Amino acid sequence: MRLSLDTDPRINLVRRYDAGVIVIGEQRITRPCIVTPQQLLLDWEASSIDELSEAQLEPLWALRADIALLGAGERQEFPPAAIRAAFRTRGIALECMGLGAACRTYNILAGEARNVLAGLFP
């Protein structure tokens, strides 16, 4: 789905998503990534939401976001309970959703200048 937006070009926004690909700005991404309004991390060593480990979350912790979105597939997926607890312990609100919902929600929150990050799994 193509997302057409009149927005601030200084922030990272998801421009389009489809099966197996996400376009952030002008960059075409085909593997898991982490995006914030100011940063795009393409070397994230995660493979899926349900297999996330504490070690794979270290890059997320370093970004110090208030809200974290995890998006994959067409339906909502949840990480293991220990991972959800790790977000709670750090005071980070966690929302898990399908890829499309995560992309749209991220764009809205980033456009509102919220301290958000999205871990996306195309």
N, C-alpha and C. Protein backbone atom coordinates (compact mmCIF):
# COMPACT_ATOMS: atom_id res chain seq x y z
N MET A 1 0.84 -1.17 0.00
CA MET A 1 0.00 0.00 0.00
C MET A 1 0.88 1.23 0.00
N ARG A 2 0.55 2.18 -0.82
CA ARG A 2 1.29 3.43 -0.88
C ARG A 2 0.67 4.42 0.11
N LEU A 3 1.53 5.06 0.88
CA LEU A 3 1.09 6.09 1.81
C LEU A 3 1.55 7.43 1.26
N SER A 4 0.64 8.29 0.89
CA SER A 4 0.98 9.62 0.39
C SER A 4 0.85 10.62 1.51
N LEU A 5 1.95 11.33 1.79
CA LEU A 5 1.95 12.25 2.92
C LEU A 5 2.60 13.57 2.54
N ASP A 6 2.06 14.66 3.02
CA ASP A 6 2.71 15.97 2.96
C ASP A 6 3.27 16.19 4.35
N THR A 7 4.58 15.93 4.50
CA THR A 7 5.15 15.94 5.84
C THR A 7 6.52 16.59 5.85
N ASP A 8 7.07 16.65 7.01
CA ASP A 8 8.40 17.20 7.24
C ASP A 8 9.44 16.25 6.64
N PRO A 9 10.21 16.71 5.64
CA PRO A 9 11.20 15.82 5.01
C PRO A 9 12.39 15.48 5.91
N ARG A 10 12.47 16.12 7.07
CA ARG A 10 13.59 15.85 7.98
C ARG A 10 13.37 14.62 8.85
N ILE A 11 12.17 14.03 8.82
CA ILE A 11 11.93 12.85 9.64
C ILE A 11 11.71 11.62 8.76
N ASN A 12 12.10 10.48 9.28
CA ASN A 12 11.91 9.21 8.57
C ASN A 12 10.45 8.81 8.65
N LEU A 13 9.85 8.57 7.50
CA LEU A 13 8.48 8.09 7.44
C LEU A 13 8.40 6.91 6.48
N VAL A 14 7.47 6.03 6.75
CA VAL A 14 7.23 4.90 5.85
C VAL A 14 6.41 5.44 4.68
N ARG A 15 6.95 5.33 3.49
CA ARG A 15 6.27 5.82 2.29
C ARG A 15 5.39 4.76 1.65
N ARG A 16 5.81 3.50 1.82
CA ARG A 16 5.06 2.42 1.20
C ARG A 16 5.45 1.11 1.88
N TYR A 17 4.52 0.18 1.92
CA TYR A 17 4.82 -1.17 2.39
C TYR A 17 4.05 -2.14 1.52
N ASP A 18 4.58 -3.32 1.38
CA ASP A 18 3.97 -4.37 0.58
C ASP A 18 4.56 -5.69 1.08
N ALA A 19 4.10 -6.78 0.52
CA ALA A 19 4.63 -8.09 0.93
C ALA A 19 6.14 -8.13 0.72
N GLY A 20 6.88 -8.20 1.80
CA GLY A 20 8.33 -8.36 1.74
C GLY A 20 9.14 -7.09 1.54
N VAL A 21 8.51 -5.92 1.50
CA VAL A 21 9.28 -4.69 1.30
C VAL A 21 8.62 -3.51 2.02
N ILE A 22 9.49 -2.65 2.54
CA ILE A 22 9.08 -1.39 3.16
C ILE A 22 9.92 -0.30 2.51
N VAL A 23 9.32 0.84 2.20
CA VAL A 23 10.07 1.97 1.68
C VAL A 23 10.00 3.08 2.73
N ILE A 24 11.17 3.44 3.23
CA ILE A 24 11.29 4.52 4.21
C ILE A 24 12.10 5.61 3.54
N GLY A 25 11.49 6.78 3.41
CA GLY A 25 12.12 7.83 2.60
C GLY A 25 12.23 7.32 1.18
N GLU A 26 13.43 7.23 0.68
CA GLU A 26 13.67 6.69 -0.66
C GLU A 26 14.32 5.31 -0.61
N GLN A 27 14.49 4.77 0.60
CA GLN A 27 15.20 3.50 0.77
C GLN A 27 14.25 2.31 0.78
N ARG A 28 14.55 1.33 -0.06
CA ARG A 28 13.76 0.09 -0.17
C ARG A 28 14.38 -0.94 0.77
N ILE A 29 13.58 -1.45 1.71
CA ILE A 29 14.09 -2.34 2.76
C ILE A 29 13.37 -3.68 2.68
N THR A 30 14.14 -4.76 2.71
CA THR A 30 13.56 -6.10 2.59
C THR A 30 13.89 -7.00 3.79
N ARG A 31 14.47 -6.44 4.82
CA ARG A 31 14.80 -7.21 6.02
C ARG A 31 14.37 -6.44 7.26
N PRO A 32 14.32 -7.08 8.41
CA PRO A 32 13.90 -6.36 9.62
C PRO A 32 14.74 -5.11 9.85
N CYS A 33 14.08 -4.06 10.32
CA CYS A 33 14.76 -2.80 10.57
C CYS A 33 14.12 -2.10 11.76
N ILE A 34 14.82 -1.10 12.26
CA ILE A 34 14.31 -0.25 13.32
C ILE A 34 14.32 1.17 12.77
N VAL A 35 13.20 1.84 12.91
CA VAL A 35 13.10 3.22 12.42
C VAL A 35 12.61 4.13 13.54
N THR A 36 13.25 5.29 13.64
CA THR A 36 12.78 6.37 14.49
C THR A 36 12.66 7.59 13.58
N PRO A 37 12.08 8.66 14.07
CA PRO A 37 12.01 9.85 13.23
C PRO A 37 13.39 10.36 12.76
N GLN A 38 14.45 10.09 13.55
CA GLN A 38 15.78 10.57 13.19
C GLN A 38 16.75 9.50 12.70
N GLN A 39 16.46 8.23 12.94
CA GLN A 39 17.42 7.17 12.61
C GLN A 39 16.74 6.01 11.89
N LEU A 40 17.54 5.33 11.07
CA LEU A 40 17.10 4.10 10.41
C LEU A 40 18.21 3.08 10.59
N LEU A 41 17.93 2.01 11.34
CA LEU A 41 18.92 0.96 11.61
C LEU A 41 18.58 -0.25 10.74
N LEU A 42 19.47 -0.54 9.80
CA LEU A 42 19.22 -1.63 8.85
C LEU A 42 19.95 -2.91 9.21
N ASP A 43 20.79 -2.88 10.21
CA ASP A 43 21.58 -4.06 10.56
C ASP A 43 21.03 -4.78 11.79
N TRP A 44 19.73 -4.70 12.01
CA TRP A 44 19.10 -5.34 13.16
C TRP A 44 19.10 -6.85 12.96
N GLU A 45 19.62 -7.57 13.92
CA GLU A 45 19.77 -9.03 13.83
C GLU A 45 18.57 -9.79 14.34
N ALA A 46 17.38 -9.29 14.12
CA ALA A 46 16.16 -9.98 14.53
C ALA A 46 15.56 -10.68 13.31
N SER A 47 14.87 -11.79 13.55
CA SER A 47 14.26 -12.51 12.43
C SER A 47 12.74 -12.53 12.48
N SER A 48 12.18 -12.46 13.68
CA SER A 48 10.71 -12.44 13.81
C SER A 48 10.34 -11.95 15.20
N ILE A 49 9.11 -11.50 15.34
CA ILE A 49 8.64 -11.00 16.63
C ILE A 49 8.61 -12.11 17.68
N ASP A 50 8.10 -13.27 17.31
CA ASP A 50 7.95 -14.33 18.31
C ASP A 50 9.27 -14.98 18.71
N GLU A 51 10.37 -14.65 18.03
CA GLU A 51 11.68 -15.20 18.38
C GLU A 51 12.64 -14.13 18.89
N LEU A 52 12.13 -12.97 19.27
CA LEU A 52 13.00 -11.90 19.78
C LEU A 52 13.69 -12.33 21.06
N SER A 53 14.93 -11.90 21.20
CA SER A 53 15.69 -12.17 22.42
C SER A 53 16.09 -10.84 23.05
N GLU A 54 16.48 -10.88 24.31
CA GLU A 54 16.94 -9.67 25.01
C GLU A 54 18.12 -9.05 24.27
N ALA A 55 19.04 -9.87 23.78
CA ALA A 55 20.21 -9.35 23.07
C ALA A 55 19.80 -8.59 21.81
N GLN A 56 18.79 -9.07 21.11
CA GLN A 56 18.34 -8.39 19.89
C GLN A 56 17.66 -7.06 20.19
N LEU A 57 17.24 -6.85 21.43
CA LEU A 57 16.57 -5.62 21.81
C LEU A 57 17.53 -4.52 22.25
N GLU A 58 18.80 -4.83 22.41
CA GLU A 58 19.77 -3.82 22.84
C GLU A 58 19.74 -2.56 21.97
N PRO A 59 19.66 -2.67 20.63
CA PRO A 59 19.58 -1.44 19.83
C PRO A 59 18.33 -0.62 20.14
N LEU A 60 17.23 -1.26 20.48
CA LEU A 60 16.01 -0.53 20.84
C LEU A 60 16.20 0.21 22.14
N TRP A 61 16.79 -0.45 23.13
CA TRP A 61 17.00 0.20 24.43
C TRP A 61 17.87 1.45 24.26
N ALA A 62 18.89 1.35 23.41
CA ALA A 62 19.81 2.46 23.22
C ALA A 62 19.12 3.70 22.65
N LEU A 63 18.02 3.52 21.94
CA LEU A 63 17.30 4.64 21.33
C LEU A 63 16.42 5.39 22.32
N ARG A 64 16.15 4.82 23.47
CA ARG A 64 15.42 5.46 24.57
C ARG A 64 14.06 6.04 24.14
N ALA A 65 13.31 5.27 23.42
CA ALA A 65 11.97 5.69 22.99
C ALA A 65 10.97 5.53 24.13
N ASP A 66 9.89 6.29 24.04
CA ASP A 66 8.79 6.13 25.00
C ASP A 66 7.79 5.10 24.51
N ILE A 67 7.69 4.96 23.19
CA ILE A 67 6.72 4.06 22.57
C ILE A 67 7.46 3.19 21.56
N ALA A 68 7.24 1.89 21.62
CA ALA A 68 7.82 0.96 20.66
C ALA A 68 6.68 0.22 19.96
N LEU A 69 6.76 0.18 18.65
CA LEU A 69 5.80 -0.58 17.84
C LEU A 69 6.55 -1.73 17.20
N LEU A 70 5.96 -2.91 17.23
CA LEU A 70 6.51 -4.05 16.51
C LEU A 70 5.48 -4.47 15.48
N GLY A 71 5.89 -4.53 14.23
CA GLY A 71 4.94 -4.85 13.17
C GLY A 71 5.47 -5.92 12.23
N ALA A 72 4.61 -6.91 11.97
CA ALA A 72 4.97 -8.00 11.05
C ALA A 72 3.70 -8.64 10.52
N GLY A 73 3.77 -9.09 9.30
CA GLY A 73 2.68 -9.87 8.72
C GLY A 73 1.37 -9.11 8.62
N GLU A 74 0.32 -9.87 8.43
CA GLU A 74 -1.01 -9.28 8.29
C GLU A 74 -1.78 -9.25 9.60
N ARG A 75 -1.36 -10.11 10.55
CA ARG A 75 -2.05 -10.18 11.84
C ARG A 75 -1.10 -9.88 12.97
N GLN A 76 -1.68 -9.55 14.09
CA GLN A 76 -0.93 -9.21 15.28
C GLN A 76 -0.13 -10.42 15.77
N GLU A 77 1.15 -10.20 16.06
CA GLU A 77 2.02 -11.21 16.65
C GLU A 77 2.57 -10.64 17.95
N PHE A 78 2.82 -11.51 18.92
CA PHE A 78 3.33 -11.06 20.21
C PHE A 78 4.67 -11.72 20.50
N PRO A 79 5.61 -10.95 21.10
CA PRO A 79 6.86 -11.55 21.55
C PRO A 79 6.62 -12.36 22.82
N PRO A 80 7.59 -13.16 23.20
CA PRO A 80 7.46 -13.93 24.45
C PRO A 80 7.20 -13.02 25.65
N ALA A 81 6.61 -13.58 26.68
CA ALA A 81 6.26 -12.82 27.89
C ALA A 81 7.47 -12.11 28.50
N ALA A 82 8.62 -12.75 28.50
CA ALA A 82 9.82 -12.14 29.08
C ALA A 82 10.22 -10.88 28.32
N ILE A 83 10.00 -10.87 27.03
CA ILE A 83 10.32 -9.69 26.22
C ILE A 83 9.34 -8.56 26.53
N ARG A 84 8.06 -8.89 26.64
CA ARG A 84 7.06 -7.88 26.98
C ARG A 84 7.38 -7.28 28.36
N ALA A 85 7.79 -8.13 29.28
CA ALA A 85 8.16 -7.67 30.63
C ALA A 85 9.37 -6.75 30.58
N ALA A 86 10.32 -7.02 29.70
CA ALA A 86 11.51 -6.17 29.57
C ALA A 86 11.12 -4.75 29.14
N PHE A 87 10.14 -4.62 28.26
CA PHE A 87 9.65 -3.30 27.87
C PHE A 87 9.01 -2.60 29.07
N ARG A 88 8.16 -3.33 29.80
CA ARG A 88 7.49 -2.75 30.96
C ARG A 88 8.50 -2.27 32.00
N THR A 89 9.51 -3.09 32.27
CA THR A 89 10.54 -2.75 33.24
C THR A 89 11.23 -1.45 32.89
N ARG A 90 11.42 -1.21 31.61
CA ARG A 90 12.10 0.00 31.14
C ARG A 90 11.14 1.18 30.95
N GLY A 91 9.87 0.96 31.22
CA GLY A 91 8.89 2.04 31.08
C GLY A 91 8.58 2.42 29.64
N ILE A 92 8.75 1.46 28.73
CA ILE A 92 8.48 1.70 27.31
C ILE A 92 7.15 1.06 26.94
N ALA A 93 6.23 1.86 26.43
CA ALA A 93 4.95 1.32 25.98
C ALA A 93 5.19 0.49 24.73
N LEU A 94 4.68 -0.73 24.71
CA LEU A 94 4.87 -1.64 23.59
C LEU A 94 3.53 -1.95 22.95
N GLU A 95 3.47 -1.81 21.63
CA GLU A 95 2.30 -2.19 20.86
C GLU A 95 2.75 -3.12 19.75
N CYS A 96 2.07 -4.24 19.62
CA CYS A 96 2.36 -5.21 18.57
C CYS A 96 1.18 -5.24 17.61
N MET A 97 1.47 -5.24 16.32
CA MET A 97 0.39 -5.20 15.32
C MET A 97 0.90 -5.72 13.99
N GLY A 98 -0.01 -5.86 13.05
CA GLY A 98 0.38 -6.23 11.71
C GLY A 98 1.27 -5.15 11.11
N LEU A 99 2.00 -5.49 10.06
CA LEU A 99 2.95 -4.57 9.45
C LEU A 99 2.29 -3.27 9.00
N GLY A 100 1.17 -3.38 8.30
CA GLY A 100 0.50 -2.18 7.81
C GLY A 100 0.06 -1.25 8.92
N ALA A 101 -0.53 -1.81 9.96
CA ALA A 101 -0.98 -1.01 11.10
C ALA A 101 0.22 -0.35 11.80
N ALA A 102 1.32 -1.09 11.92
CA ALA A 102 2.51 -0.53 12.57
C ALA A 102 3.08 0.63 11.76
N CYS A 103 3.12 0.48 10.44
CA CYS A 103 3.64 1.55 9.58
C CYS A 103 2.77 2.80 9.69
N ARG A 104 1.47 2.62 9.62
CA ARG A 104 0.56 3.77 9.70
C ARG A 104 0.62 4.44 11.07
N THR A 105 0.63 3.64 12.14
CA THR A 105 0.70 4.18 13.49
C THR A 105 2.02 4.91 13.72
N TYR A 106 3.12 4.31 13.26
CA TYR A 106 4.42 4.95 13.38
C TYR A 106 4.40 6.32 12.70
N ASN A 107 3.89 6.40 11.47
CA ASN A 107 3.87 7.67 10.74
C ASN A 107 3.09 8.74 11.50
N ILE A 108 1.96 8.35 12.07
CA ILE A 108 1.16 9.32 12.82
C ILE A 108 1.93 9.82 14.03
N LEU A 109 2.50 8.90 14.81
CA LEU A 109 3.23 9.29 16.02
C LEU A 109 4.49 10.09 15.69
N ALA A 110 5.21 9.68 14.66
CA ALA A 110 6.41 10.42 14.25
C ALA A 110 6.02 11.83 13.78
N GLY A 111 4.92 11.95 13.05
CA GLY A 111 4.45 13.24 12.58
C GLY A 111 4.02 14.16 13.72
N GLU A 112 3.65 13.57 14.85
CA GLU A 112 3.28 14.34 16.05
C GLU A 112 4.50 14.65 16.92
N ALA A 113 5.69 14.32 16.43
CA ALA A 113 6.95 14.53 17.15
C ALA A 113 7.00 13.73 18.45
N ARG A 114 6.38 12.56 18.45
CA ARG A 114 6.45 11.68 19.62
C ARG A 114 7.76 10.91 19.62
N ASN A 115 8.19 10.47 20.77
CA ASN A 115 9.42 9.71 20.92
C ASN A 115 9.12 8.24 20.66
N VAL A 116 9.03 7.86 19.38
CA VAL A 116 8.57 6.55 18.96
C VAL A 116 9.65 5.84 18.14
N LEU A 117 9.59 4.52 18.19
CA LEU A 117 10.40 3.70 17.28
C LEU A 117 9.51 2.56 16.80
N ALA A 118 9.87 2.03 15.64
CA ALA A 118 9.17 0.87 15.11
C ALA A 118 10.18 -0.19 14.71
N GLY A 119 9.97 -1.41 15.19
CA GLY A 119 10.71 -2.56 14.73
C GLY A 119 9.82 -3.23 13.68
N LEU A 120 10.25 -3.19 12.43
CA LEU A 120 9.41 -3.66 11.32
C LEU A 120 10.00 -4.90 10.67
N PHE A 121 9.14 -5.85 10.39
CA PHE A 121 9.53 -7.13 9.78
C PHE A 121 8.79 -7.29 8.47
N PRO A 122 9.42 -6.88 7.33
CA PRO A 122 8.70 -6.99 6.04
C PRO A 122 8.47 -8.43 5.61
